[in-house]
Amino acid sequence: METGTQVHCLAGSCMAVTSVAFSPDNSQIVFGSIDQHVRVWTMVTNALIQLRHGHSLVVACCPSGTLIASGSAGMTVRNWDIA
């Protein structure tokens, strides 16, 4: 792959994306958006596989790849099971 070559383009957020994280094995990508949803996409088929409502500003994946954490402006952090 050449440097700077676009590999995928994932769409599905109605509003601005605020954060992006890859799962530890790079098989999934998680992103949060201003519409207060956390979306989990599989990189194998470029399909949306989970949609969680409630947080949007920051997302992170745990090292095992089974949980994601999301944070919001409401001063809370939520853990989501994505296994």
PDB file of N, CA and C in Angstrom:
ATOM      1  N   MET A   1       0.838  -1.171   0.000  1.00  0.00           N
ATOM      2  CA  MET A   1       0.000   0.000   0.000  1.00  0.00           C
ATOM      3  C   MET A   1       0.887   1.239   0.000  1.00  0.00           C
ATOM      4  N   GLU A   2       0.559   2.168  -0.837  1.00  0.00           N
ATOM      5  CA  GLU A   2       1.283   3.425  -0.871  1.00  0.00           C
ATOM      6  C   GLU A   2       0.874   4.299   0.301  1.00  0.00           C
ATOM      7  N   THR A   3       1.782   5.086   0.781  1.00  0.00           N
ATOM      8  CA  THR A   3       1.483   6.013   1.859  1.00  0.00           C
ATOM      9  C   THR A   3       0.441   7.018   1.390  1.00  0.00           C
ATOM     10  N   GLY A   4      -0.577   7.229   2.221  1.00  0.00           N
ATOM     11  CA  GLY A   4      -1.608   8.199   1.902  1.00  0.00           C
ATOM     12  C   GLY A   4      -2.750   7.659   1.066  1.00  0.00           C
ATOM     13  N   THR A   5      -2.740   6.374   0.729  1.00  0.00           N
ATOM     14  CA  THR A   5      -3.812   5.789  -0.056  1.00  0.00           C
ATOM     15  C   THR A   5      -5.008   5.497   0.833  1.00  0.00           C
ATOM     16  N   GLN A   6      -6.192   5.961   0.423  1.00  0.00           N
ATOM     17  CA  GLN A   6      -7.411   5.671   1.184  1.00  0.00           C
ATOM     18  C   GLN A   6      -7.743   4.200   1.051  1.00  0.00           C
ATOM     19  N   VAL A   7      -7.978   3.539   2.177  1.00  0.00           N
ATOM     20  CA  VAL A   7      -8.287   2.119   2.179  1.00  0.00           C
ATOM     21  C   VAL A   7      -9.783   1.897   2.290  1.00  0.00           C
ATOM     22  N   HIS A   8     -10.439   2.625   3.186  1.00  0.00           N
ATOM     23  CA  HIS A   8     -11.875   2.491   3.393  1.00  0.00           C
ATOM     24  C   HIS A   8     -12.484   3.868   3.610  1.00  0.00           C
ATOM     25  N   CYS A   9     -13.768   3.982   3.316  1.00  0.00           N
ATOM     26  CA  CYS A   9     -14.540   5.166   3.655  1.00  0.00           C
ATOM     27  C   CYS A   9     -15.829   4.669   4.294  1.00  0.00           C
ATOM     28  N   LEU A  10     -15.978   4.906   5.591  1.00  0.00           N
ATOM     29  CA  LEU A  10     -17.154   4.446   6.323  1.00  0.00           C
ATOM     30  C   LEU A  10     -18.091   5.615   6.537  1.00  0.00           C
ATOM     31  N   ALA A  11     -19.341   5.453   6.186  1.00  0.00           N
ATOM     32  CA  ALA A  11     -20.335   6.499   6.370  1.00  0.00           C
ATOM     33  C   ALA A  11     -21.420   5.957   7.284  1.00  0.00           C
ATOM     34  N   GLY A  12     -22.146   6.841   7.923  1.00  0.00           N
ATOM     35  CA  GLY A  12     -23.215   6.372   8.780  1.00  0.00           C
ATOM     36  C   GLY A  12     -23.502   7.301   9.928  1.00  0.00           C
ATOM     37  N   SER A  13     -22.772   8.370  10.023  1.00  0.00           N
ATOM     38  CA  SER A  13     -23.039   9.348  11.067  1.00  0.00           C
ATOM     39  C   SER A  13     -23.738  10.538  10.436  1.00  0.00           C
ATOM     40  N   CYS A  14     -24.795  10.974  11.071  1.00  0.00           N
ATOM     41  CA  CYS A  14     -25.517  12.129  10.560  1.00  0.00           C
ATOM     42  C   CYS A  14     -24.790  13.426  10.874  1.00  0.00           C
ATOM     43  N   MET A  15     -23.897  13.383  11.839  1.00  0.00           N
ATOM     44  CA  MET A  15     -23.205  14.585  12.277  1.00  0.00           C
ATOM     45  C   MET A  15     -21.704  14.326  12.361  1.00  0.00           C
ATOM     46  N   ALA A  16     -20.978  15.309  12.844  1.00  0.00           N
ATOM     47  CA  ALA A  16     -19.516  15.237  12.881  1.00  0.00           C
ATOM     48  C   ALA A  16     -19.012  14.107  13.766  1.00  0.00           C
ATOM     49  N   VAL A  17     -17.972  13.432  13.287  1.00  0.00           N
ATOM     50  CA  VAL A  17     -17.293  12.399  14.056  1.00  0.00           C
ATOM     51  C   VAL A  17     -16.335  13.099  15.014  1.00  0.00           C
ATOM     52  N   THR A  18     -16.382  12.690  16.308  1.00  0.00           N
ATOM     53  CA  THR A  18     -15.551  13.337  17.319  1.00  0.00           C
ATOM     54  C   THR A  18     -14.371  12.490  17.773  1.00  0.00           C
ATOM     55  N   SER A  19     -14.443  11.171  17.577  1.00  0.00           N
ATOM     56  CA  SER A  19     -13.333  10.315  17.990  1.00  0.00           C
ATOM     57  C   SER A  19     -13.375   8.996  17.235  1.00  0.00           C
ATOM     58  N   VAL A  20     -12.193   8.392  17.086  1.00  0.00           N
ATOM     59  CA  VAL A  20     -12.053   7.134  16.354  1.00  0.00           C
ATOM     60  C   VAL A  20     -11.036   6.265  17.089  1.00  0.00           C
ATOM     61  N   ALA A  21     -11.319   4.955  17.166  1.00  0.00           N
ATOM     62  CA  ALA A  21     -10.372   4.012  17.774  1.00  0.00           C
ATOM     63  C   ALA A  21     -10.448   2.687  17.038  1.00  0.00           C
ATOM     64  N   PHE A  22      -9.313   2.024  16.909  1.00  0.00           N
ATOM     65  CA  PHE A  22      -9.255   0.683  16.339  1.00  0.00           C
ATOM     66  C   PHE A  22      -9.253  -0.342  17.461  1.00  0.00           C
ATOM     67  N   SER A  23      -9.864  -1.505  17.209  1.00  0.00           N
ATOM     68  CA  SER A  23      -9.753  -2.611  18.149  1.00  0.00           C
ATOM     69  C   SER A  23      -8.298  -3.079  18.146  1.00  0.00           C
ATOM     70  N   PRO A  24      -7.847  -3.744  19.221  1.00  0.00           N
ATOM     71  CA  PRO A  24      -6.446  -4.179  19.289  1.00  0.00           C
ATOM     72  C   PRO A  24      -5.991  -5.059  18.119  1.00  0.00           C
ATOM     73  N   ASP A  25      -6.895  -5.846  17.558  1.00  0.00           N
ATOM     74  CA  ASP A  25      -6.512  -6.707  16.432  1.00  0.00           C
ATOM     75  C   ASP A  25      -6.794  -6.055  15.072  1.00  0.00           C
ATOM     76  N   ASN A  26      -7.212  -4.793  15.090  1.00  0.00           N
ATOM     77  CA  ASN A  26      -7.496  -4.014  13.878  1.00  0.00           C
ATOM     78  C   ASN A  26      -8.645  -4.563  13.044  1.00  0.00           C
ATOM     79  N   SER A  27      -9.491  -5.408  13.620  1.00  0.00           N
ATOM     80  CA  SER A  27     -10.609  -5.970  12.864  1.00  0.00           C
ATOM     81  C   SER A  27     -11.855  -5.085  12.933  1.00  0.00           C
ATOM     82  N   GLN A  28     -11.882  -4.165  13.886  1.00  0.00           N
ATOM     83  CA  GLN A  28     -13.024  -3.279  14.056  1.00  0.00           C
ATOM     84  C   GLN A  28     -12.545  -1.851  14.247  1.00  0.00           C
ATOM     85  N   ILE A  29     -13.413  -0.932  13.880  1.00  0.00           N
ATOM     86  CA  ILE A  29     -13.161   0.482  14.136  1.00  0.00           C
ATOM     87  C   ILE A  29     -14.384   1.025  14.864  1.00  0.00           C
ATOM     88  N   VAL A  30     -14.122   1.826  15.869  1.00  0.00           N
ATOM     89  CA  VAL A  30     -15.180   2.397  16.700  1.00  0.00           C
ATOM     90  C   VAL A  30     -15.114   3.905  16.538  1.00  0.00           C
ATOM     91  N   PHE A  31     -16.275   4.542  16.350  1.00  0.00           N
ATOM     92  CA  PHE A  31     -16.239   6.000  16.350  1.00  0.00           C
ATOM     93  C   PHE A  31     -17.437   6.588  17.053  1.00  0.00           C
ATOM     94  N   GLY A  32     -17.195   7.744  17.649  1.00  0.00           N
ATOM     95  CA  GLY A  32     -18.236   8.510  18.321  1.00  0.00           C
ATOM     96  C   GLY A  32     -18.537   9.742  17.504  1.00  0.00           C
ATOM     97  N   SER A  33     -19.760  10.233  17.636  1.00  0.00           N
ATOM     98  CA  SER A  33     -20.140  11.418  16.866  1.00  0.00           C
ATOM     99  C   SER A  33     -21.033  12.328  17.695  1.00  0.00           C
ATOM    100  N   ILE A  34     -21.211  13.531  17.195  1.00  0.00           N
ATOM    101  CA  ILE A  34     -22.000  14.537  17.900  1.00  0.00           C
ATOM    102  C   ILE A  34     -23.455  14.111  18.059  1.00  0.00           C
ATOM    103  N   ASP A  35     -23.939  13.171  17.272  1.00  0.00           N
ATOM    104  CA  ASP A  35     -25.323  12.714  17.418  1.00  0.00           C
ATOM    105  C   ASP A  35     -25.503  11.765  18.607  1.00  0.00           C
ATOM    106  N   GLN A  36     -24.470  11.660  19.454  1.00  0.00           N
ATOM    107  CA  GLN A  36     -24.487  10.867  20.688  1.00  0.00           C
ATOM    108  C   GLN A  36     -24.625   9.370  20.444  1.00  0.00           C
ATOM    109  N   HIS A  37     -24.001   8.898  19.389  1.00  0.00           N
ATOM    110  CA  HIS A  37     -23.971   7.469  19.105  1.00  0.00           C
ATOM    111  C   HIS A  37     -22.528   6.988  19.016  1.00  0.00           C
ATOM    112  N   VAL A  38     -22.320   5.772  19.463  1.00  0.00           N
ATOM    113  CA  VAL A  38     -21.052   5.078  19.275  1.00  0.00           C
ATOM    114  C   VAL A  38     -21.320   3.973  18.265  1.00  0.00           C
ATOM    115  N   ARG A  39     -20.544   3.952  17.201  1.00  0.00           N
ATOM    116  CA  ARG A  39     -20.724   2.969  16.140  1.00  0.00           C
ATOM    117  C   ARG A  39     -19.514   2.054  16.064  1.00  0.00           C
ATOM    118  N   VAL A  40     -19.773   0.761  15.866  1.00  0.00           N
ATOM    119  CA  VAL A  40     -18.709  -0.230  15.711  1.00  0.00           C
ATOM    120  C   VAL A  40     -18.849  -0.839  14.321  1.00  0.00           C
ATOM    121  N   TRP A  41     -17.790  -0.746  13.535  1.00  0.00           N
ATOM    122  CA  TRP A  41     -17.757  -1.268  12.171  1.00  0.00           C
ATOM    123  C   TRP A  41     -16.755  -2.397  12.087  1.00  0.00           C
ATOM    124  N   THR A  42     -17.053  -3.410  11.309  1.00  0.00           N
ATOM    125  CA  THR A  42     -16.080  -4.455  11.018  1.00  0.00           C
ATOM    126  C   THR A  42     -15.261  -4.025   9.804  1.00  0.00           C
ATOM    127  N   MET A  43     -13.972  -4.197   9.888  1.00  0.00           N
ATOM    128  CA  MET A  43     -13.108  -3.815   8.778  1.00  0.00           C
ATOM    129  C   MET A  43     -13.106  -4.870   7.685  1.00  0.00           C
ATOM    130  N   VAL A  44     -13.589  -6.067   7.987  1.00  0.00           N
ATOM    131  CA  VAL A  44     -13.612  -7.151   7.002  1.00  0.00           C
ATOM    132  C   VAL A  44     -14.628  -6.860   5.906  1.00  0.00           C
ATOM    133  N   THR A  45     -15.849  -6.466   6.298  1.00  0.00           N
ATOM    134  CA  THR A  45     -16.919  -6.235   5.312  1.00  0.00           C
ATOM    135  C   THR A  45     -17.359  -4.777   5.239  1.00  0.00           C
ATOM    136  N   ASN A  46     -16.725  -3.903   6.034  1.00  0.00           N
ATOM    137  CA  ASN A  46     -17.102  -2.483   6.089  1.00  0.00           C
ATOM    138  C   ASN A  46     -18.561  -2.297   6.486  1.00  0.00           C
ATOM    139  N   ALA A  47     -19.052  -3.146   7.387  1.00  0.00           N
ATOM    140  CA  ALA A  47     -20.450  -3.090   7.804  1.00  0.00           C
ATOM    141  C   ALA A  47     -20.568  -2.588   9.245  1.00  0.00           C
ATOM    142  N   LEU A  48     -21.617  -1.837   9.499  1.00  0.00           N
ATOM    143  CA  LEU A  48     -21.949  -1.410  10.856  1.00  0.00           C
ATOM    144  C   LEU A  48     -22.457  -2.629  11.614  1.00  0.00           C
ATOM    145  N   ILE A  49     -21.808  -2.974  12.732  1.00  0.00           N
ATOM    146  CA  ILE A  49     -22.217  -4.168  13.469  1.00  0.00           C
ATOM    147  C   ILE A  49     -22.824  -3.855  14.829  1.00  0.00           C
ATOM    148  N   GLN A  50     -22.583  -2.654  15.354  1.00  0.00           N
ATOM    149  CA  GLN A  50     -23.216  -2.253  16.611  1.00  0.00           C
ATOM    150  C   GLN A  50     -23.430  -0.751  16.610  1.00  0.00           C
ATOM    151  N   LEU A  51     -24.520  -0.356  17.250  1.00  0.00           N
ATOM    152  CA  LEU A  51     -24.852   1.053  17.415  1.00  0.00           C
ATOM    153  C   LEU A  51     -25.288   1.250  18.852  1.00  0.00           C
ATOM    154  N   ARG A  52     -24.587   2.101  19.575  1.00  0.00           N
ATOM    155  CA  ARG A  52     -24.904   2.377  20.981  1.00  0.00           C
ATOM    156  C   ARG A  52     -25.227   3.850  21.124  1.00  0.00           C
ATOM    157  N   HIS A  53     -26.264   4.145  21.890  1.00  0.00           N
ATOM    158  CA  HIS A  53     -26.688   5.528  22.066  1.00  0.00           C
ATOM    159  C   HIS A  53     -26.282   6.033  23.439  1.00  0.00           C
ATOM    160  N   GLY A  54     -25.841   7.262  23.509  1.00  0.00           N
ATOM    161  CA  GLY A  54     -25.627   7.875  24.799  1.00  0.00           C
ATOM    162  C   GLY A  54     -24.364   8.683  24.957  1.00  0.00           C
ATOM    163  N   HIS A  55     -23.327   8.366  24.240  1.00  0.00           N
ATOM    164  CA  HIS A  55     -22.070   9.089  24.404  1.00  0.00           C
ATOM    165  C   HIS A  55     -21.426   9.316  23.056  1.00  0.00           C
ATOM    166  N   SER A  56     -20.550  10.352  23.015  1.00  0.00           N
ATOM    167  CA  SER A  56     -20.001  10.615  21.703  1.00  0.00           C
ATOM    168  C   SER A  56     -18.619  11.239  21.663  1.00  0.00           C
ATOM    169  N   LEU A  57     -18.197  11.922  22.688  1.00  0.00           N
ATOM    170  CA  LEU A  57     -17.001  12.742  22.546  1.00  0.00           C
ATOM    171  C   LEU A  57     -15.704  11.951  22.436  1.00  0.00           C
ATOM    172  N   VAL A  58     -15.555  10.900  23.226  1.00  0.00           N
ATOM    173  CA  VAL A  58     -14.315  10.130  23.236  1.00  0.00           C
ATOM    174  C   VAL A  58     -14.643   8.646  23.272  1.00  0.00           C
ATOM    175  N   VAL A  59     -13.942   7.839  22.475  1.00  0.00           N
ATOM    176  CA  VAL A  59     -14.077   6.381  22.537  1.00  0.00           C
ATOM    177  C   VAL A  59     -12.693   5.758  22.635  1.00  0.00           C
ATOM    178  N   ALA A  60     -12.619   4.608  23.308  1.00  0.00           N
ATOM    179  CA  ALA A  60     -11.370   3.857  23.428  1.00  0.00           C
ATOM    180  C   ALA A  60     -11.702   2.374  23.537  1.00  0.00           C
ATOM    181  N   CYS A  61     -10.821   1.533  23.022  1.00  0.00           N
ATOM    182  CA  CYS A  61     -10.985   0.077  23.104  1.00  0.00           C
ATOM    183  C   CYS A  61     -10.057  -0.475  24.175  1.00  0.00           C
ATOM    184  N   CYS A  62     -10.552  -1.480  24.916  1.00  0.00           N
ATOM    185  CA  CYS A  62      -9.689  -2.132  25.902  1.00  0.00           C
ATOM    186  C   CYS A  62      -8.744  -3.090  25.176  1.00  0.00           C
ATOM    187  N   PRO A  63      -7.638  -3.461  25.808  1.00  0.00           N
ATOM    188  CA  PRO A  63      -6.658  -4.333  25.148  1.00  0.00           C
ATOM    189  C   PRO A  63      -7.206  -5.689  24.703  1.00  0.00           C
ATOM    190  N   SER A  64      -8.231  -6.205  25.400  1.00  0.00           N
ATOM    191  CA  SER A  64      -8.795  -7.502  25.005  1.00  0.00           C
ATOM    192  C   SER A  64      -9.706  -7.387  23.786  1.00  0.00           C
ATOM    193  N   GLY A  65     -10.169  -6.164  23.481  1.00  0.00           N
ATOM    194  CA  GLY A  65     -11.053  -5.951  22.340  1.00  0.00           C
ATOM    195  C   GLY A  65     -12.506  -6.286  22.608  1.00  0.00           C
ATOM    196  N   THR A  66     -12.859  -6.562  23.856  1.00  0.00           N
ATOM    197  CA  THR A  66     -14.242  -6.936  24.179  1.00  0.00           C
ATOM    198  C   THR A  66     -15.055  -5.795  24.760  1.00  0.00           C
ATOM    199  N   LEU A  67     -14.399  -4.721  25.166  1.00  0.00           N
ATOM    200  CA  LEU A  67     -15.089  -3.575  25.747  1.00  0.00           C
ATOM    201  C   LEU A  67     -14.623  -2.297  25.075  1.00  0.00           C
ATOM    202  N   ILE A  68     -15.533  -1.348  24.999  1.00  0.00           N
ATOM    203  CA  ILE A  68     -15.153   0.007  24.619  1.00  0.00           C
ATOM    204  C   ILE A  68     -15.636   0.935  25.720  1.00  0.00           C
ATOM    205  N   ALA A  69     -14.939   2.030  25.863  1.00  0.00           N
ATOM    206  CA  ALA A  69     -15.350   3.061  26.802  1.00  0.00           C
ATOM    207  C   ALA A  69     -15.702   4.302  25.999  1.00  0.00           C
ATOM    208  N   SER A  70     -16.737   4.993  26.446  1.00  0.00           N
ATOM    209  CA  SER A  70     -17.113   6.241  25.792  1.00  0.00           C
ATOM    210  C   SER A  70     -17.317   7.303  26.847  1.00  0.00           C
ATOM    211  N   GLY A  71     -16.983   8.522  26.498  1.00  0.00           N
ATOM    212  CA  GLY A  71     -17.139   9.644  27.407  1.00  0.00           C
ATOM    213  C   GLY A  71     -17.967  10.737  26.763  1.00  0.00           C
ATOM    214  N   SER A  72     -18.583  11.538  27.606  1.00  0.00           N
ATOM    215  CA  SER A  72     -19.430  12.608  27.096  1.00  0.00           C
ATOM    216  C   SER A  72     -19.180  13.900  27.854  1.00  0.00           C
ATOM    217  N   ALA A  73     -19.783  14.957  27.383  1.00  0.00           N
ATOM    218  CA  ALA A  73     -19.691  16.248  28.055  1.00  0.00           C
ATOM    219  C   ALA A  73     -20.453  16.235  29.372  1.00  0.00           C
ATOM    220  N   GLY A  74     -21.264  15.211  29.610  1.00  0.00           N
ATOM    221  CA  GLY A  74     -22.028  15.089  30.849  1.00  0.00           C
ATOM    222  C   GLY A  74     -21.213  14.561  32.010  1.00  0.00           C
ATOM    223  N   MET A  75     -19.893  14.511  31.862  1.00  0.00           N
ATOM    224  CA  MET A  75     -18.954  14.099  32.907  1.00  0.00           C
ATOM    225  C   MET A  75     -19.147  12.658  33.355  1.00  0.00           C
ATOM    226  N   THR A  76     -19.477  11.765  32.414  1.00  0.00           N
ATOM    227  CA  THR A  76     -19.600  10.340  32.718  1.00  0.00           C
ATOM    228  C   THR A  76     -18.832   9.530  31.680  1.00  0.00           C
ATOM    229  N   VAL A  77     -18.472   8.325  32.090  1.00  0.00           N
ATOM    230  CA  VAL A  77     -17.844   7.354  31.206  1.00  0.00           C
ATOM    231  C   VAL A  77     -18.681   6.089  31.254  1.00  0.00           C
ATOM    232  N   ARG A  78     -18.952   5.510  30.099  1.00  0.00           N
ATOM    233  CA  ARG A  78     -19.699   4.251  30.022  1.00  0.00           C
ATOM    234  C   ARG A  78     -18.825   3.193  29.381  1.00  0.00           C
ATOM    235  N   ASN A  79     -18.968   1.961  29.862  1.00  0.00           N
ATOM    236  CA  ASN A  79     -18.315   0.801  29.264  1.00  0.00           C
ATOM    237  C   ASN A  79     -19.362   0.014  28.491  1.00  0.00           C
ATOM    238  N   TRP A  80     -19.000  -0.424  27.283  1.00  0.00           N
ATOM    239  CA  TRP A  80     -19.912  -1.155  26.409  1.00  0.00           C
ATOM    240  C   TRP A  80     -19.281  -2.492  26.059  1.00  0.00           C
ATOM    241  N   ASP A  81     -20.048  -3.564  26.172  1.00  0.00           N
ATOM    242  CA  ASP A  81     -19.592  -4.907  25.782  1.00  0.00           C
ATOM    243  C   ASP A  81     -19.800  -5.050  24.285  1.00  0.00           C
ATOM    244  N   ILE A  82     -18.730  -5.296  23.553  1.00  0.00           N
ATOM    245  CA  ILE A  82     -18.841  -5.454  22.098  1.00  0.00           C
ATOM    246  C   ILE A  82     -18.464  -6.855  21.647  1.00  0.00           C
ATOM    247  N   ALA A  83     -18.304  -7.769  22.598  1.00  0.00           N
ATOM    248  CA  ALA A  83     -17.910  -9.139  22.248  1.00  0.00           C
ATOM    249  C   ALA A  83     -19.009  -9.861  21.528  1.00  0.00           C
TER     250      ALA A  83
END
